Amino acid sequence: MRNIEAIYNESLEGKYLIFRLIEGVYGINIKDVIQKMSYSDITKIDISDSPIVGITNTQGTYVPVLDLRKMYGLDEVSCYDDSNVLIVGLSGDYSDILIGIVVDKVLGINMLSSNKIVRLNKYDNKIDSRFFSGVAVVRNSITKLLNISRIMNEIRLSQREEQ
């Protein structure tokens, strides 16, 4: 018989692309990642008070590139020379939205089983935890797992407010 926590976390199980952002370690389900590119390959734009730092063309679609540091109110880094951009999207309700997210360094891909993931309610006072689905220990570091559907929903809601 499987334990209740394993059943509860089952949907979070899978392969995750692990990356560093400032001093934190984060993960994103590999199914949501479409492409990895260098930050130097995007067209930079400067919109004050916006997490959008650039735009890129991916598969014929213009994709906004977000700096999660700005989105979450973290310390900003003025130089992104070694940074990467992950182009992410979801199937279904969010198939019309692709976004790029700036990450400091991609650390690798790890398989996370349900017994290694703890669902997240409120974990970190410094970061708005509604954008995370859980945490796991990967390579002796606590890894926060991004919930792309919540981020996409936030973007969709802000687009509606602007219209």
Protein backbone atom coordinates (compact mmCIF):
# COMPACT_ATOMS: atom_id res chain seq x y z
CA MET A 1 0.00 0.00 0.00
CA ARG A 2 1.32 3.44 -0.97
CA ASN A 3 1.52 6.14 1.66
CA ILE A 4 -0.76 9.18 1.51
CA GLU A 5 2.08 11.63 0.91
CA ALA A 6 3.22 9.68 -2.18
CA ILE A 7 -0.31 9.78 -3.61
CA TYR A 8 -0.61 13.51 -2.83
CA ASN A 9 2.70 14.29 -4.55
CA GLU A 10 2.25 11.92 -7.49
CA SER A 11 1.48 14.65 -10.00
CA LEU A 12 4.75 16.44 -9.17
CA GLU A 13 6.90 13.40 -9.94
CA GLY A 14 9.02 13.60 -13.07
CA LYS A 15 12.18 14.96 -14.66
CA TYR A 16 13.12 18.49 -13.68
CA LEU A 17 15.56 20.94 -15.19
CA ILE A 18 17.45 22.32 -12.18
CA PHE A 19 18.86 25.84 -12.29
CA ARG A 20 20.37 28.53 -10.09
CA LEU A 21 18.89 32.00 -9.67
CA ILE A 22 20.94 34.30 -7.43
CA GLU A 23 21.67 32.05 -4.42
CA GLY A 24 18.61 29.82 -4.80
CA VAL A 25 18.17 26.52 -6.61
CA TYR A 26 14.99 25.99 -8.60
CA GLY A 27 13.46 23.30 -10.78
CA ILE A 28 10.99 23.23 -13.63
CA ASN A 29 9.32 20.16 -15.07
CA ILE A 30 11.20 19.26 -18.23
CA LYS A 31 7.87 18.76 -20.06
CA ASP A 32 7.31 22.52 -19.80
CA VAL A 33 10.71 23.48 -21.27
CA ILE A 34 10.70 24.05 -25.02
CA GLN A 35 14.17 25.47 -25.56
CA LYS A 36 17.29 26.71 -23.75
CA MET A 37 19.17 29.65 -25.21
CA SER A 38 21.84 32.14 -24.25
CA TYR A 39 20.75 35.45 -22.76
CA SER A 40 22.93 37.18 -25.36
CA ASP A 41 20.59 35.80 -28.09
CA ILE A 42 17.56 37.85 -27.00
CA THR A 43 16.66 41.41 -27.97
CA LYS A 44 16.89 43.47 -24.78
CA ILE A 45 14.18 45.95 -23.88
CA ASP A 46 13.87 48.22 -20.88
CA ILE A 47 10.38 48.63 -19.44
CA SER A 48 10.47 50.22 -16.01
CA ASP A 49 8.57 48.39 -13.27
CA SER A 50 8.17 45.35 -15.53
CA PRO A 51 9.76 41.93 -15.19
CA ILE A 52 10.09 41.82 -19.00
CA VAL A 53 13.76 42.28 -19.97
CA GLY A 54 13.66 41.23 -23.59
CA ILE A 55 11.99 39.43 -26.45
CA THR A 56 12.98 36.58 -28.71
CA ASN A 57 11.59 34.79 -31.73
CA THR A 58 10.99 31.09 -31.09
CA GLN A 59 9.49 28.92 -33.80
CA GLY A 60 8.02 32.00 -35.51
CA THR A 61 6.46 33.37 -32.32
CA TYR A 62 7.62 36.44 -30.45
CA VAL A 63 8.20 35.45 -26.84
CA PRO A 64 8.60 37.88 -23.91
CA VAL A 65 11.55 37.14 -21.64
CA LEU A 66 10.97 37.63 -17.91
CA ASP A 67 13.47 38.19 -15.17
CA LEU A 68 12.15 36.24 -12.18
CA ARG A 69 14.30 38.42 -9.93
CA LYS A 70 12.13 41.41 -10.81
CA MET A 71 8.91 39.38 -10.68
CA TYR A 72 9.67 38.13 -7.17
CA GLY A 73 11.29 41.32 -5.87
CA LEU A 74 14.77 39.79 -5.53
CA ASP A 75 18.10 41.54 -5.95
CA GLU A 76 18.63 42.48 -9.58
CA VAL A 77 21.78 41.66 -11.49
CA SER A 78 22.84 44.20 -14.10
CA CYS A 79 25.02 41.79 -16.09
CA TYR A 80 23.58 38.62 -17.59
CA ASP A 81 26.55 37.54 -19.72
CA ASP A 82 26.60 33.93 -18.50
CA SER A 83 22.83 33.61 -18.05
CA ASN A 84 20.50 31.34 -19.97
CA VAL A 85 16.91 31.79 -21.06
CA LEU A 86 14.46 28.90 -20.79
CA ILE A 87 11.53 29.09 -23.19
CA VAL A 88 8.59 27.48 -21.41
CA GLY A 89 4.95 26.81 -22.18
CA LEU A 90 2.13 24.44 -21.43
CA SER A 91 -0.27 22.43 -23.50
CA GLY A 92 -4.01 22.87 -23.08
CA ASP A 93 -5.33 26.14 -21.66
CA TYR A 94 -1.98 27.91 -21.94
CA SER A 95 -0.82 26.67 -25.34
CA ASP A 96 -1.18 30.21 -26.67
CA ILE A 97 1.39 31.55 -24.20
CA LEU A 98 5.13 31.02 -24.30
CA ILE A 99 7.51 32.86 -22.00
CA GLY A 100 11.23 33.01 -21.57
CA ILE A 101 12.67 33.05 -18.08
CA VAL A 102 16.20 34.22 -17.28
CA VAL A 103 18.22 31.82 -15.13
CA ASP A 104 21.76 32.29 -13.87
CA LYS A 105 22.97 28.77 -14.61
CA VAL A 106 21.43 25.47 -15.66
CA LEU A 107 22.71 22.77 -13.29
CA GLY A 108 21.28 19.70 -14.99
CA ILE A 109 18.27 17.41 -15.21
CA ASN A 110 17.14 15.22 -12.31
CA MET A 111 14.39 12.65 -11.90
CA LEU A 112 12.39 13.47 -8.77
CA SER A 113 10.23 10.76 -7.29
CA SER A 114 7.14 11.60 -5.25
CA ASN A 115 8.81 10.64 -1.97
CA LYS A 116 11.48 13.35 -2.51
CA ILE A 117 8.99 16.19 -3.06
CA VAL A 118 7.17 18.12 -0.37
CA ARG A 119 4.19 20.19 -1.49
CA LEU A 120 4.50 23.87 -0.76
CA ASN A 121 2.00 26.01 1.08
CA LYS A 122 4.13 28.83 2.42
CA TYR A 123 7.84 28.17 2.34
CA ASP A 124 9.84 31.30 1.82
CA ASN A 125 8.93 34.74 3.12
CA LYS A 126 11.21 36.39 0.55
CA ILE A 127 9.48 34.86 -2.49
CA ASP A 128 5.78 34.69 -3.31
CA SER A 129 5.23 30.96 -2.80
CA ARG A 130 2.07 30.84 -4.93
CA PHE A 131 4.33 30.34 -7.96
CA PHE A 132 5.84 27.13 -6.54
CA SER A 133 4.36 23.66 -6.34
CA GLY A 134 6.81 22.06 -3.94
CA VAL A 135 10.36 21.64 -2.74
CA ALA A 136 12.83 18.80 -3.03
CA VAL A 137 16.40 18.16 -1.99
CA VAL A 138 18.58 17.91 -5.09
CA ARG A 139 22.38 17.67 -4.80
CA ASN A 140 22.20 18.61 -1.11
CA SER A 141 20.33 21.86 -1.87
CA ILE A 142 16.70 22.70 -1.26
CA THR A 143 15.18 23.10 -4.71
CA LYS A 144 11.97 25.09 -5.18
CA LEU A 145 9.83 23.65 -7.96
CA LEU A 146 8.24 26.29 -10.19
CA ASN A 147 4.57 25.95 -11.01
CA ILE A 148 4.49 27.19 -14.61
CA SER A 149 0.69 27.06 -14.87
CA ARG A 150 0.40 29.56 -11.98
CA ILE A 151 2.99 31.85 -13.58
CA MET A 152 1.17 31.61 -16.92
CA ASN A 153 -2.14 32.37 -15.21
CA GLU A 154 -0.61 35.46 -13.57
CA ILE A 155 0.64 36.64 -16.97
CA ARG A 156 -2.74 35.99 -18.57
CA LEU A 157 -4.50 37.96 -15.80
CA SER A 158 -2.11 40.90 -16.19
CA GLN A 159 -2.67 40.91 -19.95
CA ARG A 160 -6.45 41.09 -19.40
CA GLU A 161 -6.03 43.99 -16.93
CA GLU A 162 -3.97 45.92 -19.50
CA GLN A 163 -6.62 45.55 -22.22
